[in-house]
N, C-alpha and C. Protein backbone atom coordinates (compact mmCIF):
# COMPACT_ATOMS: atom_id res chain seq x y z
N MET A 1 12.64 -18.30 -0.15
CA MET A 1 12.81 -17.08 -0.91
C MET A 1 13.51 -17.41 -2.22
N VAL A 2 13.06 -16.83 -3.32
CA VAL A 2 13.60 -17.08 -4.64
C VAL A 2 14.89 -16.29 -4.83
N GLU A 3 15.91 -16.95 -5.35
CA GLU A 3 17.18 -16.28 -5.61
C GLU A 3 17.07 -15.40 -6.85
N PRO A 4 17.59 -14.16 -6.81
CA PRO A 4 17.55 -13.29 -8.00
C PRO A 4 18.46 -13.82 -9.11
N ARG A 5 18.19 -13.40 -10.33
CA ARG A 5 18.96 -13.85 -11.49
C ARG A 5 20.38 -13.30 -11.52
N SER A 6 20.60 -12.18 -10.86
CA SER A 6 21.94 -11.60 -10.80
C SER A 6 22.14 -11.01 -9.41
N GLY A 7 23.35 -10.56 -9.15
CA GLY A 7 23.67 -9.95 -7.88
C GLY A 7 23.33 -8.48 -7.80
N CYS A 8 22.71 -7.92 -8.84
CA CYS A 8 22.38 -6.50 -8.88
C CYS A 8 21.19 -6.21 -7.96
N PRO A 9 21.32 -5.28 -7.02
CA PRO A 9 20.20 -4.95 -6.13
C PRO A 9 18.97 -4.43 -6.87
N VAL A 10 19.17 -3.67 -7.94
CA VAL A 10 18.02 -3.17 -8.72
C VAL A 10 17.28 -4.35 -9.32
N ASN A 11 18.01 -5.29 -9.91
CA ASN A 11 17.38 -6.48 -10.48
C ASN A 11 16.63 -7.27 -9.41
N ALA A 12 17.25 -7.44 -8.25
CA ALA A 12 16.61 -8.22 -7.18
C ALA A 12 15.28 -7.58 -6.77
N ALA A 13 15.25 -6.25 -6.69
CA ALA A 13 14.01 -5.55 -6.34
C ALA A 13 12.98 -5.65 -7.46
N VAL A 14 13.42 -5.49 -8.70
CA VAL A 14 12.50 -5.54 -9.84
C VAL A 14 11.88 -6.92 -9.99
N GLU A 15 12.64 -7.95 -9.68
CA GLU A 15 12.09 -9.31 -9.79
C GLU A 15 10.92 -9.52 -8.83
N VAL A 16 10.91 -8.80 -7.71
CA VAL A 16 9.80 -8.94 -6.76
C VAL A 16 8.72 -7.89 -7.01
N LEU A 17 9.13 -6.66 -7.29
CA LEU A 17 8.19 -5.54 -7.36
C LEU A 17 7.94 -5.04 -8.78
N GLY A 18 8.56 -5.63 -9.77
CA GLY A 18 8.56 -5.06 -11.11
C GLY A 18 7.31 -5.23 -11.95
N ASP A 19 6.37 -6.00 -11.50
CA ASP A 19 5.15 -6.11 -12.31
C ASP A 19 4.08 -5.19 -11.72
N ARG A 20 3.17 -4.80 -12.54
CA ARG A 20 2.13 -3.84 -12.15
C ARG A 20 1.34 -4.29 -10.94
N TRP A 21 0.94 -5.53 -10.91
CA TRP A 21 -0.01 -5.97 -9.90
C TRP A 21 0.59 -6.09 -8.52
N SER A 22 1.85 -6.49 -8.40
CA SER A 22 2.45 -6.63 -7.07
C SER A 22 2.44 -5.31 -6.31
N LEU A 23 2.84 -4.25 -6.96
CA LEU A 23 2.84 -2.94 -6.31
C LEU A 23 1.43 -2.46 -5.98
N LEU A 24 0.48 -2.77 -6.85
CA LEU A 24 -0.90 -2.34 -6.58
C LEU A 24 -1.52 -3.14 -5.44
N VAL A 25 -1.18 -4.41 -5.32
CA VAL A 25 -1.65 -5.20 -4.18
C VAL A 25 -1.07 -4.62 -2.90
N LEU A 26 0.23 -4.32 -2.90
CA LEU A 26 0.85 -3.71 -1.72
C LEU A 26 0.21 -2.36 -1.42
N ARG A 27 -0.05 -1.56 -2.44
CA ARG A 27 -0.72 -0.26 -2.24
C ARG A 27 -2.06 -0.46 -1.53
N ASP A 28 -2.83 -1.44 -1.98
CA ASP A 28 -4.15 -1.66 -1.40
C ASP A 28 -4.08 -2.20 0.03
N VAL A 29 -3.07 -3.00 0.33
CA VAL A 29 -2.88 -3.47 1.70
C VAL A 29 -2.47 -2.29 2.58
N ILE A 30 -1.56 -1.46 2.08
CA ILE A 30 -1.04 -0.33 2.86
C ILE A 30 -2.09 0.75 3.05
N PHE A 31 -2.63 1.28 1.96
CA PHE A 31 -3.51 2.44 2.06
C PHE A 31 -4.98 2.09 2.23
N GLY A 32 -5.39 0.93 1.74
CA GLY A 32 -6.80 0.54 1.87
C GLY A 32 -7.05 -0.38 3.04
N ASP A 33 -5.98 -0.82 3.72
CA ASP A 33 -6.07 -1.78 4.81
C ASP A 33 -6.89 -3.00 4.39
N ARG A 34 -6.71 -3.40 3.13
CA ARG A 34 -7.39 -4.60 2.62
C ARG A 34 -6.46 -5.78 2.90
N ARG A 35 -6.92 -6.70 3.73
CA ARG A 35 -6.05 -7.77 4.19
C ARG A 35 -6.60 -9.16 3.88
N TYR A 36 -7.73 -9.20 3.23
CA TYR A 36 -8.34 -10.47 2.86
C TYR A 36 -8.49 -10.52 1.34
N PHE A 37 -8.45 -11.73 0.80
CA PHE A 37 -8.51 -11.92 -0.65
C PHE A 37 -9.71 -11.19 -1.26
N ARG A 38 -10.89 -11.41 -0.71
CA ARG A 38 -12.12 -10.81 -1.27
C ARG A 38 -12.04 -9.28 -1.25
N ALA A 39 -11.53 -8.70 -0.17
CA ALA A 39 -11.41 -7.25 -0.09
C ALA A 39 -10.43 -6.72 -1.12
N LEU A 40 -9.34 -7.44 -1.33
CA LEU A 40 -8.37 -7.03 -2.35
C LEU A 40 -8.96 -7.15 -3.75
N LEU A 41 -9.72 -8.21 -3.98
CA LEU A 41 -10.32 -8.44 -5.29
C LEU A 41 -11.38 -7.39 -5.61
N THR A 42 -12.29 -7.15 -4.69
CA THR A 42 -13.40 -6.23 -4.97
C THR A 42 -12.99 -4.77 -4.81
N GLY A 43 -11.94 -4.50 -4.04
CA GLY A 43 -11.52 -3.13 -3.80
C GLY A 43 -10.53 -2.58 -4.80
N SER A 44 -10.09 -3.42 -5.73
CA SER A 44 -9.09 -2.98 -6.71
C SER A 44 -9.72 -2.02 -7.72
N MET A 45 -9.21 -0.79 -7.75
CA MET A 45 -9.71 0.20 -8.72
C MET A 45 -9.41 -0.24 -10.14
N GLU A 46 -8.35 -1.03 -10.29
CA GLU A 46 -7.90 -1.43 -11.62
C GLU A 46 -8.53 -2.72 -12.11
N GLY A 47 -9.29 -3.39 -11.26
CA GLY A 47 -10.01 -4.58 -11.67
C GLY A 47 -9.13 -5.81 -11.85
N ILE A 48 -8.38 -6.16 -10.83
CA ILE A 48 -7.50 -7.34 -10.91
C ILE A 48 -8.34 -8.61 -11.00
N ALA A 49 -7.91 -9.53 -11.83
CA ALA A 49 -8.58 -10.83 -11.97
C ALA A 49 -8.21 -11.71 -10.78
N SER A 50 -9.10 -12.59 -10.37
CA SER A 50 -8.88 -13.41 -9.18
C SER A 50 -7.65 -14.30 -9.33
N ASN A 51 -7.40 -14.86 -10.51
CA ASN A 51 -6.23 -15.72 -10.68
C ASN A 51 -4.93 -14.92 -10.58
N ILE A 52 -4.93 -13.70 -11.07
CA ILE A 52 -3.74 -12.84 -10.99
C ILE A 52 -3.51 -12.46 -9.52
N LEU A 53 -4.58 -12.08 -8.81
CA LEU A 53 -4.45 -11.72 -7.41
C LEU A 53 -3.90 -12.90 -6.61
N ALA A 54 -4.45 -14.09 -6.81
CA ALA A 54 -3.98 -15.26 -6.08
C ALA A 54 -2.49 -15.49 -6.35
N ASP A 55 -2.07 -15.36 -7.60
CA ASP A 55 -0.66 -15.53 -7.96
C ASP A 55 0.22 -14.49 -7.28
N ARG A 56 -0.19 -13.23 -7.30
CA ARG A 56 0.62 -12.16 -6.70
C ARG A 56 0.71 -12.30 -5.19
N LEU A 57 -0.37 -12.72 -4.55
CA LEU A 57 -0.32 -12.93 -3.11
C LEU A 57 0.68 -14.03 -2.77
N VAL A 58 0.67 -15.12 -3.53
CA VAL A 58 1.65 -16.19 -3.30
C VAL A 58 3.06 -15.66 -3.50
N ARG A 59 3.29 -14.90 -4.57
CA ARG A 59 4.62 -14.34 -4.84
C ARG A 59 5.08 -13.40 -3.73
N LEU A 60 4.18 -12.55 -3.26
CA LEU A 60 4.54 -11.59 -2.21
C LEU A 60 4.83 -12.29 -0.89
N VAL A 61 4.13 -13.37 -0.62
CA VAL A 61 4.41 -14.17 0.58
C VAL A 61 5.77 -14.86 0.42
N GLU A 62 6.00 -15.48 -0.74
CA GLU A 62 7.27 -16.16 -0.98
C GLU A 62 8.46 -15.20 -0.93
N ALA A 63 8.25 -13.95 -1.36
CA ALA A 63 9.31 -12.95 -1.36
C ALA A 63 9.53 -12.34 0.02
N GLY A 64 8.64 -12.66 0.97
CA GLY A 64 8.80 -12.16 2.33
C GLY A 64 8.24 -10.77 2.57
N LEU A 65 7.34 -10.30 1.69
CA LEU A 65 6.73 -8.98 1.86
C LEU A 65 5.40 -9.05 2.60
N LEU A 66 4.75 -10.20 2.52
CA LEU A 66 3.49 -10.45 3.22
C LEU A 66 3.58 -11.77 3.96
N THR A 67 2.79 -11.92 4.99
CA THR A 67 2.56 -13.22 5.60
C THR A 67 1.10 -13.56 5.41
N ARG A 68 0.81 -14.83 5.35
CA ARG A 68 -0.56 -15.31 5.21
C ARG A 68 -0.92 -16.03 6.49
N GLY A 69 -1.90 -15.48 7.20
CA GLY A 69 -2.35 -16.12 8.42
C GLY A 69 -3.03 -17.43 8.10
N THR A 70 -2.95 -18.37 9.02
CA THR A 70 -3.61 -19.65 8.79
C THR A 70 -5.10 -19.48 8.98
N ALA A 71 -5.83 -19.98 8.04
CA ALA A 71 -7.29 -19.87 8.09
C ALA A 71 -7.86 -21.13 8.74
N MET A 72 -8.57 -20.93 9.80
CA MET A 72 -9.25 -22.05 10.45
C MET A 72 -10.51 -22.37 9.64
N ARG A 73 -11.08 -23.49 9.92
CA ARG A 73 -12.28 -23.91 9.19
C ARG A 73 -13.34 -22.81 9.24
N GLY A 74 -13.81 -22.42 8.07
CA GLY A 74 -14.85 -21.40 7.98
C GLY A 74 -14.33 -19.97 8.07
N GLN A 75 -13.02 -19.80 8.21
CA GLN A 75 -12.46 -18.46 8.28
C GLN A 75 -11.62 -18.18 7.04
N ARG A 76 -11.40 -16.89 6.81
CA ARG A 76 -10.58 -16.47 5.69
C ARG A 76 -9.17 -16.18 6.17
N ALA A 77 -8.20 -16.41 5.30
CA ALA A 77 -6.81 -16.10 5.64
C ALA A 77 -6.60 -14.59 5.56
N ARG A 78 -5.89 -14.07 6.53
CA ARG A 78 -5.60 -12.64 6.58
C ARG A 78 -4.13 -12.42 6.24
N TYR A 79 -3.90 -11.47 5.36
CA TYR A 79 -2.54 -11.13 4.95
C TYR A 79 -2.05 -9.96 5.78
N SER A 80 -0.78 -10.02 6.16
CA SER A 80 -0.16 -8.94 6.92
C SER A 80 1.17 -8.58 6.27
N LEU A 81 1.51 -7.31 6.37
CA LEU A 81 2.80 -6.85 5.88
C LEU A 81 3.90 -7.33 6.82
N THR A 82 5.04 -7.66 6.26
CA THR A 82 6.24 -7.91 7.05
C THR A 82 7.00 -6.59 7.11
N GLU A 83 8.11 -6.56 7.82
CA GLU A 83 8.94 -5.35 7.82
C GLU A 83 9.40 -5.02 6.41
N ALA A 84 9.77 -6.04 5.63
CA ALA A 84 10.18 -5.79 4.24
C ALA A 84 9.03 -5.19 3.44
N GLY A 85 7.81 -5.65 3.68
CA GLY A 85 6.65 -5.08 3.00
C GLY A 85 6.40 -3.64 3.41
N ILE A 86 6.55 -3.36 4.68
CA ILE A 86 6.38 -1.99 5.18
C ILE A 86 7.42 -1.07 4.55
N ARG A 87 8.63 -1.58 4.37
CA ARG A 87 9.71 -0.77 3.81
C ARG A 87 9.54 -0.51 2.31
N THR A 88 8.50 -1.05 1.69
CA THR A 88 8.20 -0.67 0.30
C THR A 88 7.47 0.66 0.23
N LEU A 89 6.99 1.17 1.36
CA LEU A 89 6.23 2.43 1.35
C LEU A 89 7.01 3.58 0.72
N PRO A 90 8.28 3.81 1.06
CA PRO A 90 9.00 4.90 0.38
C PRO A 90 9.10 4.71 -1.14
N ILE A 91 9.18 3.46 -1.59
CA ILE A 91 9.23 3.18 -3.03
C ILE A 91 7.89 3.55 -3.66
N ILE A 92 6.81 3.13 -3.02
CA ILE A 92 5.47 3.44 -3.52
C ILE A 92 5.25 4.95 -3.52
N CYS A 93 5.73 5.62 -2.48
CA CYS A 93 5.62 7.09 -2.42
C CYS A 93 6.40 7.74 -3.56
N ALA A 94 7.60 7.25 -3.83
CA ALA A 94 8.41 7.81 -4.93
C ALA A 94 7.71 7.62 -6.27
N LEU A 95 7.12 6.46 -6.49
CA LEU A 95 6.37 6.23 -7.73
C LEU A 95 5.16 7.15 -7.80
N GLY A 96 4.49 7.33 -6.66
CA GLY A 96 3.35 8.23 -6.61
C GLY A 96 3.74 9.67 -6.90
N ASP A 97 4.92 10.10 -6.41
CA ASP A 97 5.40 11.45 -6.70
C ASP A 97 5.63 11.62 -8.20
N TRP A 98 6.21 10.62 -8.83
CA TRP A 98 6.43 10.69 -10.28
C TRP A 98 5.08 10.79 -10.99
N GLY A 99 4.12 9.96 -10.57
CA GLY A 99 2.79 10.00 -11.17
C GLY A 99 2.10 11.33 -10.96
N LEU A 100 2.29 11.93 -9.79
CA LEU A 100 1.72 13.24 -9.48
C LEU A 100 2.24 14.29 -10.46
N ASP A 101 3.52 14.21 -10.78
CA ASP A 101 4.14 15.18 -11.69
C ASP A 101 3.83 14.93 -13.15
N TRP A 102 3.65 13.69 -13.54
CA TRP A 102 3.64 13.38 -14.97
C TRP A 102 2.39 12.70 -15.50
N ARG A 103 1.45 12.31 -14.64
CA ARG A 103 0.26 11.59 -15.10
C ARG A 103 -0.99 12.21 -14.48
N PRO A 104 -2.12 12.10 -15.16
CA PRO A 104 -3.38 12.58 -14.57
C PRO A 104 -3.88 11.59 -13.51
N GLY A 105 -4.85 12.03 -12.71
CA GLY A 105 -5.43 11.15 -11.71
C GLY A 105 -6.58 11.84 -11.02
N SER A 106 -7.22 11.13 -10.11
CA SER A 106 -8.37 11.70 -9.41
C SER A 106 -7.90 12.72 -8.38
N ALA A 107 -8.73 13.69 -8.12
CA ALA A 107 -8.38 14.77 -7.19
C ALA A 107 -8.08 14.23 -5.80
N GLY A 108 -8.89 13.32 -5.31
CA GLY A 108 -8.71 12.80 -3.97
C GLY A 108 -7.40 12.05 -3.81
N LEU A 109 -7.10 11.18 -4.75
CA LEU A 109 -5.87 10.40 -4.66
C LEU A 109 -4.64 11.27 -4.91
N ARG A 110 -4.78 12.27 -5.74
CA ARG A 110 -3.67 13.22 -5.95
C ARG A 110 -3.44 14.04 -4.67
N ALA A 111 -4.51 14.39 -3.96
CA ALA A 111 -4.37 15.13 -2.70
C ALA A 111 -3.66 14.27 -1.66
N ARG A 112 -3.97 12.99 -1.63
CA ARG A 112 -3.30 12.08 -0.70
C ARG A 112 -1.80 12.04 -0.99
N GLN A 113 -1.45 11.92 -2.26
CA GLN A 113 -0.05 11.88 -2.65
C GLN A 113 0.65 13.21 -2.35
N ARG A 114 -0.04 14.30 -2.63
CA ARG A 114 0.52 15.63 -2.38
C ARG A 114 0.82 15.82 -0.89
N LEU A 115 -0.08 15.35 -0.02
CA LEU A 115 0.15 15.45 1.41
C LEU A 115 1.41 14.68 1.81
N MET A 116 1.57 13.47 1.29
CA MET A 116 2.77 12.68 1.63
C MET A 116 4.03 13.40 1.16
N ARG A 117 3.97 13.99 -0.02
CA ARG A 117 5.13 14.71 -0.55
C ARG A 117 5.44 15.94 0.32
N GLU A 118 4.40 16.71 0.63
CA GLU A 118 4.61 17.95 1.39
C GLU A 118 5.10 17.66 2.81
N GLU A 119 4.59 16.61 3.42
CA GLU A 119 4.99 16.28 4.79
C GLU A 119 6.38 15.65 4.85
N GLY A 120 6.80 15.01 3.77
CA GLY A 120 8.16 14.52 3.68
C GLY A 120 8.45 13.21 4.38
N PRO A 121 9.74 12.87 4.49
CA PRO A 121 10.17 11.58 5.03
C PRO A 121 9.69 11.31 6.46
N ALA A 122 9.58 12.33 7.29
CA ALA A 122 9.12 12.10 8.66
C ALA A 122 7.69 11.56 8.67
N PHE A 123 6.85 12.06 7.76
CA PHE A 123 5.47 11.59 7.66
C PHE A 123 5.44 10.14 7.18
N VAL A 124 6.29 9.82 6.21
CA VAL A 124 6.36 8.44 5.72
C VAL A 124 6.79 7.51 6.86
N GLU A 125 7.71 7.96 7.69
CA GLU A 125 8.12 7.18 8.86
C GLU A 125 6.94 6.97 9.81
N GLU A 126 6.12 8.01 10.00
CA GLU A 126 4.92 7.87 10.85
C GLU A 126 3.98 6.82 10.26
N LEU A 127 3.80 6.87 8.94
CA LEU A 127 2.95 5.88 8.28
C LEU A 127 3.50 4.47 8.51
N MET A 128 4.82 4.31 8.37
CA MET A 128 5.42 3.00 8.57
C MET A 128 5.27 2.54 10.02
N ASP A 129 5.38 3.46 10.98
CA ASP A 129 5.17 3.10 12.38
C ASP A 129 3.73 2.62 12.60
N GLU A 130 2.78 3.29 11.96
CA GLU A 130 1.38 2.90 12.07
C GLU A 130 1.16 1.52 11.44
N LEU A 131 1.82 1.26 10.32
CA LEU A 131 1.72 -0.07 9.69
C LEU A 131 2.32 -1.14 10.58
N ARG A 132 3.41 -0.82 11.26
CA ARG A 132 4.02 -1.78 12.20
C ARG A 132 3.04 -2.11 13.33
N ALA A 133 2.31 -1.11 13.79
CA ALA A 133 1.32 -1.36 14.84
C ALA A 133 0.18 -2.23 14.31
N ARG A 134 -0.28 -1.95 13.12
CA ARG A 134 -1.41 -2.69 12.54
C ARG A 134 -1.05 -4.11 12.13
N HIS A 135 0.15 -4.29 11.58
CA HIS A 135 0.50 -5.58 10.97
C HIS A 135 1.47 -6.42 11.80
N LEU A 136 2.31 -5.78 12.61
CA LEU A 136 3.34 -6.52 13.34
C LEU A 136 3.11 -6.52 14.84
N GLY A 137 2.06 -5.83 15.29
CA GLY A 137 1.75 -5.80 16.71
C GLY A 137 2.64 -4.87 17.52
N ALA A 138 3.33 -3.94 16.86
CA ALA A 138 4.15 -2.97 17.59
C ALA A 138 3.23 -2.04 18.37
N PRO A 139 3.74 -1.46 19.45
CA PRO A 139 2.88 -0.54 20.21
C PRO A 139 2.53 0.68 19.36
N PRO A 140 1.28 1.11 19.41
CA PRO A 140 0.89 2.28 18.61
C PRO A 140 1.58 3.54 19.12
N ARG A 141 1.90 4.40 18.19
CA ARG A 141 2.55 5.67 18.50
C ARG A 141 1.47 6.68 18.90
N PRO A 142 1.65 7.40 20.00
CA PRO A 142 0.64 8.39 20.38
C PRO A 142 0.77 9.66 19.51
N TYR A 143 -0.36 10.23 19.15
CA TYR A 143 -0.39 11.46 18.36
C TYR A 143 -1.21 12.49 19.11
N ASP A 144 -0.80 13.74 19.00
CA ASP A 144 -1.56 14.82 19.63
C ASP A 144 -2.87 15.08 18.90
N GLY A 145 -2.87 14.83 17.61
CA GLY A 145 -4.06 15.04 16.79
C GLY A 145 -4.33 13.78 15.99
N PRO A 146 -4.90 13.95 14.81
CA PRO A 146 -5.17 12.78 13.96
C PRO A 146 -3.88 12.07 13.56
N GLY A 147 -3.95 10.76 13.46
CA GLY A 147 -2.81 9.96 13.02
C GLY A 147 -2.56 10.14 11.53
N PRO A 148 -1.48 9.57 11.03
CA PRO A 148 -1.12 9.79 9.63
C PRO A 148 -2.16 9.26 8.64
N PHE A 149 -2.74 8.11 8.90
CA PHE A 149 -3.73 7.58 7.96
C PHE A 149 -5.02 8.39 8.01
N GLU A 150 -5.37 8.90 9.18
CA GLU A 150 -6.54 9.77 9.29
C GLU A 150 -6.31 11.06 8.50
N ARG A 151 -5.10 11.57 8.54
CA ARG A 151 -4.77 12.79 7.78
C ARG A 151 -4.84 12.53 6.27
N LEU A 152 -4.37 11.36 5.85
CA LEU A 152 -4.46 11.02 4.42
C LEU A 152 -5.92 10.91 3.98
N GLU A 153 -6.73 10.25 4.79
CA GLU A 153 -8.15 10.10 4.47
C GLU A 153 -8.84 11.45 4.41
N ALA A 154 -8.50 12.35 5.34
CA ALA A 154 -9.10 13.69 5.36
C ALA A 154 -8.71 14.48 4.11
N ALA A 155 -7.45 14.39 3.71
CA ALA A 155 -6.99 15.10 2.50
C ALA A 155 -7.71 14.57 1.27
N CYS A 156 -7.84 13.27 1.20
CA CYS A 156 -8.53 12.63 0.07
C CYS A 156 -10.00 13.04 0.05
N ALA A 157 -10.65 12.99 1.20
CA ALA A 157 -12.07 13.34 1.29
C ALA A 157 -12.29 14.81 0.97
N ALA A 158 -11.43 15.69 1.48
CA ALA A 158 -11.58 17.13 1.23
C ALA A 158 -11.45 17.43 -0.26
N ALA A 159 -10.51 16.79 -0.92
CA ALA A 159 -10.34 17.00 -2.36
C ALA A 159 -11.51 16.41 -3.14
N GLY A 160 -12.02 15.27 -2.66
CA GLY A 160 -13.18 14.66 -3.31
C GLY A 160 -14.40 15.54 -3.19
N GLU A 161 -14.57 16.16 -2.01
CA GLU A 161 -15.69 17.08 -1.80
C GLU A 161 -15.52 18.31 -2.68
N GLN A 162 -14.29 18.82 -2.77
CA GLN A 162 -14.02 19.98 -3.62
C GLN A 162 -14.29 19.64 -5.08
N GLU A 163 -13.88 18.43 -5.50
CA GLU A 163 -14.11 18.00 -6.87
C GLU A 163 -15.62 17.95 -7.14
N HIS A 164 -16.39 17.45 -6.15
CA HIS A 164 -17.84 17.40 -6.28
C HIS A 164 -18.44 18.79 -6.40
N LEU A 165 -17.94 19.73 -5.58
CA LEU A 165 -18.43 21.10 -5.64
C LEU A 165 -18.07 21.77 -6.96
N ASP A 166 -16.89 21.47 -7.48
CA ASP A 166 -16.45 22.06 -8.76
C ASP A 166 -17.29 21.60 -9.92
N GLN A 167 -17.95 20.43 -9.80
CA GLN A 167 -18.75 19.89 -10.90
C GLN A 167 -20.14 20.51 -10.95
N ARG A 168 -20.52 21.28 -9.94
CA ARG A 168 -21.85 21.90 -9.92
C ARG A 168 -21.93 23.05 -10.87
């Protein structure tokens, strides 16, 4: 792990998360369940270059936010969130809330963010529990209805359908 330039906790966090691409890679791993290099490269809405993606993945692994599975011959390496990586979700949510208030965006992705905001910290905890099950092998949490990621996808899809209907 790389030592921060100062003892300031804000600086230590910014040194790991302060560039645009690191947070977007984490966003895509968290919300897109993209865990392989090719999926992260082709699934990036912002069009990340392969050399930048490779660099950020190395940085995120070195910082302890992701692990890189060993790739056997003919297989691709799979990236998984660590607990530290999962704990970036509230930070990403806070940035998304700011963006929801102050920047334009697509209806579907804004609906996803709005749902997280409206549901509050308990919902974010549910999302983190689901990520622990997916990435760390924790036992899945039982839900009476759709799980948190299913609810996010439904909100995004419903807004996307509404956006499509509004364009008619």
